[in-house]
Amino acid sequence: MDISAFNALKTYGSAQKVLTPEGTKLATPKDGKEEFNLSSVTEGLVGAVANSETAASAYMTGKADPHSVVEAIASAELAVETAVTLRNRVVEAYQELLRMPI
């Protein structure tokens, strides 16, 4: 089963949790269409990692349960793995372009 990095990133981007002033909610496209936006994906990655760090800090101070910490860390791990996969695919595509004869 082959899952392209762009499809995985697109799916992650449409289902990621976004921290808003009102709390955590699912991100939804503004006009109902899914589109690839690198800046929102990057913000989602940073938000997932920051959320896991916050959950870990809360657990160390006794303000969070272990389940929420594991969930936040798993979400951050998925985000980082997705970003690394995307980066690897872009580098592979660039290297393939360099190998093309002119």
N, C-alpha and C. Protein backbone atom coordinates (compact mmCIF):
# COMPACT_ATOMS: atom_id res chain seq x y z
N MET A 1 0.85 -1.17 0.00
CA MET A 1 0.00 0.00 0.00
C MET A 1 0.89 1.23 0.00
N ASP A 2 0.77 2.06 -1.03
CA ASP A 2 1.59 3.24 -1.17
C ASP A 2 0.77 4.48 -0.84
N ILE A 3 1.22 5.20 0.15
CA ILE A 3 0.56 6.44 0.53
C ILE A 3 1.54 7.57 0.24
N SER A 4 1.15 8.46 -0.65
CA SER A 4 2.06 9.55 -0.98
C SER A 4 2.13 10.53 0.18
N ALA A 5 3.25 11.20 0.27
CA ALA A 5 3.47 12.14 1.36
C ALA A 5 2.49 13.30 1.29
N PHE A 6 2.17 13.75 0.08
CA PHE A 6 1.25 14.87 -0.04
C PHE A 6 -0.15 14.51 0.43
N ASN A 7 -0.60 13.29 0.11
CA ASN A 7 -1.92 12.87 0.58
C ASN A 7 -1.94 12.72 2.09
N ALA A 8 -0.85 12.18 2.65
CA ALA A 8 -0.78 12.04 4.10
C ALA A 8 -0.77 13.41 4.77
N LEU A 9 -0.01 14.33 4.20
CA LEU A 9 0.08 15.67 4.77
C LEU A 9 -1.25 16.41 4.63
N LYS A 10 -1.92 16.21 3.50
CA LYS A 10 -3.21 16.84 3.28
C LYS A 10 -4.25 16.32 4.28
N THR A 11 -4.23 15.01 4.50
CA THR A 11 -5.15 14.41 5.45
C THR A 11 -4.84 14.88 6.87
N TYR A 12 -3.56 14.92 7.22
CA TYR A 12 -3.18 15.39 8.54
C TYR A 12 -3.60 16.85 8.73
N GLY A 13 -3.35 17.66 7.69
CA GLY A 13 -3.69 19.08 7.78
C GLY A 13 -5.18 19.32 7.95
N SER A 14 -6.00 18.48 7.34
CA SER A 14 -7.43 18.69 7.45
C SER A 14 -8.00 18.14 8.75
N ALA A 15 -7.27 17.26 9.43
CA ALA A 15 -7.79 16.66 10.65
C ALA A 15 -7.06 17.10 11.90
N GLN A 16 -6.10 18.00 11.76
CA GLN A 16 -5.31 18.39 12.92
C GLN A 16 -6.11 19.24 13.91
N LYS A 17 -5.67 19.21 15.12
CA LYS A 17 -6.30 20.06 16.13
C LYS A 17 -5.55 21.37 16.19
N VAL A 18 -6.29 22.44 16.25
CA VAL A 18 -5.71 23.77 16.28
C VAL A 18 -6.07 24.41 17.61
N LEU A 19 -5.09 24.99 18.28
CA LEU A 19 -5.34 25.65 19.55
C LEU A 19 -5.83 27.07 19.27
N THR A 20 -7.02 27.38 19.72
CA THR A 20 -7.60 28.70 19.54
C THR A 20 -7.83 29.32 20.91
N PRO A 21 -8.12 30.61 20.97
CA PRO A 21 -8.40 31.23 22.27
C PRO A 21 -9.58 30.58 22.99
N GLU A 22 -10.53 30.03 22.23
CA GLU A 22 -11.69 29.40 22.84
C GLU A 22 -11.39 27.98 23.31
N GLY A 23 -10.28 27.42 22.91
CA GLY A 23 -9.93 26.05 23.25
C GLY A 23 -9.46 25.31 22.01
N THR A 24 -9.47 23.99 22.08
CA THR A 24 -9.02 23.18 20.96
C THR A 24 -10.20 22.79 20.09
N LYS A 25 -10.06 22.96 18.79
CA LYS A 25 -11.11 22.57 17.88
C LYS A 25 -10.48 22.01 16.61
N LEU A 26 -11.27 21.31 15.82
CA LEU A 26 -10.76 20.78 14.58
C LEU A 26 -10.68 21.89 13.54
N ALA A 27 -9.59 21.89 12.79
CA ALA A 27 -9.42 22.89 11.74
C ALA A 27 -10.30 22.53 10.55
N THR A 28 -10.98 23.52 10.02
CA THR A 28 -11.81 23.30 8.83
C THR A 28 -11.46 24.34 7.79
N PRO A 29 -11.46 23.95 6.53
CA PRO A 29 -11.19 24.92 5.47
C PRO A 29 -12.26 26.01 5.46
N LYS A 30 -11.89 27.20 5.05
CA LYS A 30 -12.81 28.34 5.06
C LYS A 30 -13.93 28.17 4.05
N ASP A 31 -13.62 27.71 2.85
CA ASP A 31 -14.64 27.60 1.82
C ASP A 31 -15.09 26.16 1.57
N GLY A 32 -14.71 25.25 2.42
CA GLY A 32 -15.14 23.86 2.28
C GLY A 32 -14.23 23.04 1.39
N LYS A 33 -13.28 23.67 0.70
CA LYS A 33 -12.36 22.96 -0.17
C LYS A 33 -11.07 22.68 0.59
N GLU A 34 -10.51 21.50 0.35
CA GLU A 34 -9.22 21.19 0.94
C GLU A 34 -8.13 21.67 -0.01
N GLU A 35 -7.17 22.39 0.50
CA GLU A 35 -6.07 22.84 -0.32
C GLU A 35 -4.78 22.73 0.47
N PHE A 36 -3.70 22.56 -0.24
CA PHE A 36 -2.40 22.40 0.39
C PHE A 36 -1.82 23.77 0.70
N ASN A 37 -1.56 24.03 1.96
CA ASN A 37 -1.01 25.30 2.40
C ASN A 37 0.13 25.00 3.35
N LEU A 38 1.35 25.24 2.90
CA LEU A 38 2.53 24.88 3.68
C LEU A 38 2.61 25.64 5.00
N SER A 39 2.20 26.89 5.02
CA SER A 39 2.29 27.66 6.26
C SER A 39 1.36 27.11 7.34
N SER A 40 0.15 26.69 6.95
CA SER A 40 -0.75 26.13 7.95
C SER A 40 -0.27 24.77 8.44
N VAL A 41 0.37 24.02 7.56
CA VAL A 41 0.93 22.73 7.96
C VAL A 41 2.08 22.95 8.94
N THR A 42 2.91 23.94 8.65
CA THR A 42 4.02 24.25 9.55
C THR A 42 3.51 24.73 10.90
N GLU A 43 2.48 25.56 10.89
CA GLU A 43 1.88 26.02 12.15
C GLU A 43 1.29 24.84 12.93
N GLY A 44 0.69 23.90 12.21
CA GLY A 44 0.15 22.71 12.86
C GLY A 44 1.23 21.86 13.49
N LEU A 45 2.36 21.74 12.80
CA LEU A 45 3.49 20.98 13.34
C LEU A 45 4.01 21.63 14.61
N VAL A 46 4.22 22.92 14.55
CA VAL A 46 4.72 23.65 15.73
C VAL A 46 3.71 23.57 16.87
N GLY A 47 2.43 23.70 16.54
CA GLY A 47 1.38 23.61 17.56
C GLY A 47 1.32 22.24 18.21
N ALA A 48 1.49 21.18 17.42
CA ALA A 48 1.46 19.83 17.98
C ALA A 48 2.62 19.59 18.92
N VAL A 49 3.80 20.06 18.52
CA VAL A 49 4.98 19.89 19.38
C VAL A 49 4.83 20.73 20.66
N ALA A 50 4.35 21.95 20.51
CA ALA A 50 4.15 22.81 21.68
C ALA A 50 3.10 22.23 22.61
N ASN A 51 2.04 21.63 22.04
CA ASN A 51 0.99 21.02 22.84
C ASN A 51 1.55 19.83 23.63
N SER A 52 2.43 19.05 23.01
CA SER A 52 3.01 17.91 23.73
C SER A 52 3.93 18.37 24.85
N GLU A 53 4.66 19.45 24.60
CA GLU A 53 5.53 19.99 25.66
C GLU A 53 4.70 20.54 26.82
N THR A 54 3.61 21.20 26.50
CA THR A 54 2.72 21.73 27.54
C THR A 54 2.11 20.60 28.35
N ALA A 55 1.68 19.54 27.67
CA ALA A 55 1.09 18.39 28.37
C ALA A 55 2.12 17.71 29.25
N ALA A 56 3.36 17.59 28.77
CA ALA A 56 4.41 16.97 29.58
C ALA A 56 4.72 17.81 30.81
N SER A 57 4.75 19.13 30.65
CA SER A 57 4.99 20.02 31.79
C SER A 57 3.86 19.92 32.80
N ALA A 58 2.63 19.86 32.29
CA ALA A 58 1.48 19.73 33.19
C ALA A 58 1.51 18.41 33.94
N TYR A 59 1.94 17.36 33.28
CA TYR A 59 2.03 16.05 33.95
C TYR A 59 3.09 16.07 35.05
N MET A 60 4.23 16.72 34.78
CA MET A 60 5.30 16.78 35.77
C MET A 60 4.89 17.57 37.01
N THR A 61 3.98 18.52 36.84
CA THR A 61 3.52 19.29 37.99
C THR A 61 2.27 18.69 38.63
N GLY A 62 1.80 17.58 38.04
CA GLY A 62 0.65 16.89 38.61
C GLY A 62 -0.69 17.43 38.15
N LYS A 63 -0.72 18.21 37.08
CA LYS A 63 -1.96 18.82 36.61
C LYS A 63 -2.58 18.08 35.43
N ALA A 64 -1.96 17.00 34.97
CA ALA A 64 -2.48 16.26 33.82
C ALA A 64 -2.35 14.77 34.07
N ASP A 65 -3.20 14.00 33.42
CA ASP A 65 -3.13 12.55 33.56
C ASP A 65 -2.21 11.97 32.48
N PRO A 66 -1.68 10.78 32.69
CA PRO A 66 -0.74 10.17 31.73
C PRO A 66 -1.36 9.95 30.35
N HIS A 67 -2.65 9.66 30.30
CA HIS A 67 -3.30 9.42 29.02
C HIS A 67 -3.24 10.64 28.11
N SER A 68 -3.49 11.81 28.65
CA SER A 68 -3.44 13.02 27.82
C SER A 68 -2.02 13.32 27.34
N VAL A 69 -1.03 12.99 28.17
CA VAL A 69 0.37 13.21 27.78
C VAL A 69 0.74 12.27 26.63
N VAL A 70 0.36 11.00 26.74
CA VAL A 70 0.67 10.03 25.69
C VAL A 70 -0.04 10.43 24.39
N GLU A 71 -1.27 10.89 24.50
CA GLU A 71 -2.01 11.32 23.31
C GLU A 71 -1.35 12.52 22.65
N ALA A 72 -0.92 13.49 23.44
CA ALA A 72 -0.27 14.68 22.88
C ALA A 72 1.07 14.33 22.25
N ILE A 73 1.83 13.45 22.88
CA ILE A 73 3.12 13.05 22.33
C ILE A 73 2.94 12.24 21.05
N ALA A 74 1.94 11.38 21.00
CA ALA A 74 1.66 10.61 19.78
C ALA A 74 1.25 11.54 18.64
N SER A 75 0.48 12.56 18.95
CA SER A 75 0.08 13.53 17.93
C SER A 75 1.30 14.29 17.40
N ALA A 76 2.18 14.69 18.30
CA ALA A 76 3.40 15.39 17.88
C ALA A 76 4.30 14.48 17.06
N GLU A 77 4.38 13.21 17.46
CA GLU A 77 5.20 12.25 16.72
C GLU A 77 4.67 12.07 15.29
N LEU A 78 3.36 11.97 15.15
CA LEU A 78 2.75 11.84 13.83
C LEU A 78 3.04 13.08 12.98
N ALA A 79 2.96 14.25 13.58
CA ALA A 79 3.22 15.49 12.85
C ALA A 79 4.67 15.56 12.38
N VAL A 80 5.60 15.20 13.25
CA VAL A 80 7.02 15.24 12.89
C VAL A 80 7.33 14.21 11.81
N GLU A 81 6.79 12.99 11.95
CA GLU A 81 7.02 11.96 10.94
C GLU A 81 6.45 12.38 9.58
N THR A 82 5.31 13.03 9.58
CA THR A 82 4.71 13.51 8.34
C THR A 82 5.60 14.58 7.70
N ALA A 83 6.10 15.50 8.50
CA ALA A 83 6.97 16.56 7.98
C ALA A 83 8.27 15.98 7.43
N VAL A 84 8.84 15.00 8.11
CA VAL A 84 10.07 14.37 7.64
C VAL A 84 9.82 13.61 6.34
N THR A 85 8.70 12.92 6.25
CA THR A 85 8.35 12.21 5.02
C THR A 85 8.19 13.17 3.86
N LEU A 86 7.53 14.27 4.10
CA LEU A 86 7.35 15.29 3.06
C LEU A 86 8.70 15.84 2.61
N ARG A 87 9.54 16.16 3.57
CA ARG A 87 10.86 16.68 3.23
C ARG A 87 11.66 15.68 2.41
N ASN A 88 11.61 14.40 2.79
CA ASN A 88 12.34 13.37 2.05
C ASN A 88 11.83 13.25 0.63
N ARG A 89 10.51 13.33 0.46
CA ARG A 89 9.94 13.24 -0.89
C ARG A 89 10.35 14.44 -1.75
N VAL A 90 10.38 15.61 -1.17
CA VAL A 90 10.78 16.80 -1.91
C VAL A 90 12.25 16.70 -2.31
N VAL A 91 13.10 16.25 -1.41
CA VAL A 91 14.52 16.08 -1.71
C VAL A 91 14.71 15.03 -2.81
N GLU A 92 13.98 13.93 -2.73
CA GLU A 92 14.07 12.89 -3.77
C GLU A 92 13.64 13.45 -5.13
N ALA A 93 12.59 14.23 -5.16
CA ALA A 93 12.12 14.82 -6.42
C ALA A 93 13.15 15.79 -6.97
N TYR A 94 13.76 16.58 -6.11
CA TYR A 94 14.79 17.52 -6.55
C TYR A 94 15.99 16.77 -7.10
N GLN A 95 16.42 15.71 -6.42
CA GLN A 95 17.55 14.92 -6.91
C GLN A 95 17.23 14.26 -8.25
N GLU A 96 15.99 13.84 -8.43
CA GLU A 96 15.58 13.26 -9.70
C GLU A 96 15.65 14.30 -10.81
N LEU A 97 15.26 15.52 -10.51
CA LEU A 97 15.35 16.60 -11.50
C LEU A 97 16.81 16.89 -11.87
N LEU A 98 17.70 16.82 -10.88
CA LEU A 98 19.11 17.06 -11.15
C LEU A 98 19.72 15.97 -12.04
N ARG A 99 19.19 14.76 -11.95
CA ARG A 99 19.72 13.66 -12.75
C ARG A 99 19.22 13.68 -14.19
N MET A 100 18.22 14.50 -14.49
CA MET A 100 17.67 14.55 -15.86
C MET A 100 18.67 15.21 -16.80
N PRO A 101 18.84 14.59 -17.98
CA PRO A 101 19.72 15.24 -18.96
C PRO A 101 19.05 16.47 -19.57
N ILE A 102 19.86 17.42 -19.92
CA ILE A 102 19.32 18.66 -20.49
C ILE A 102 19.07 18.52 -21.98
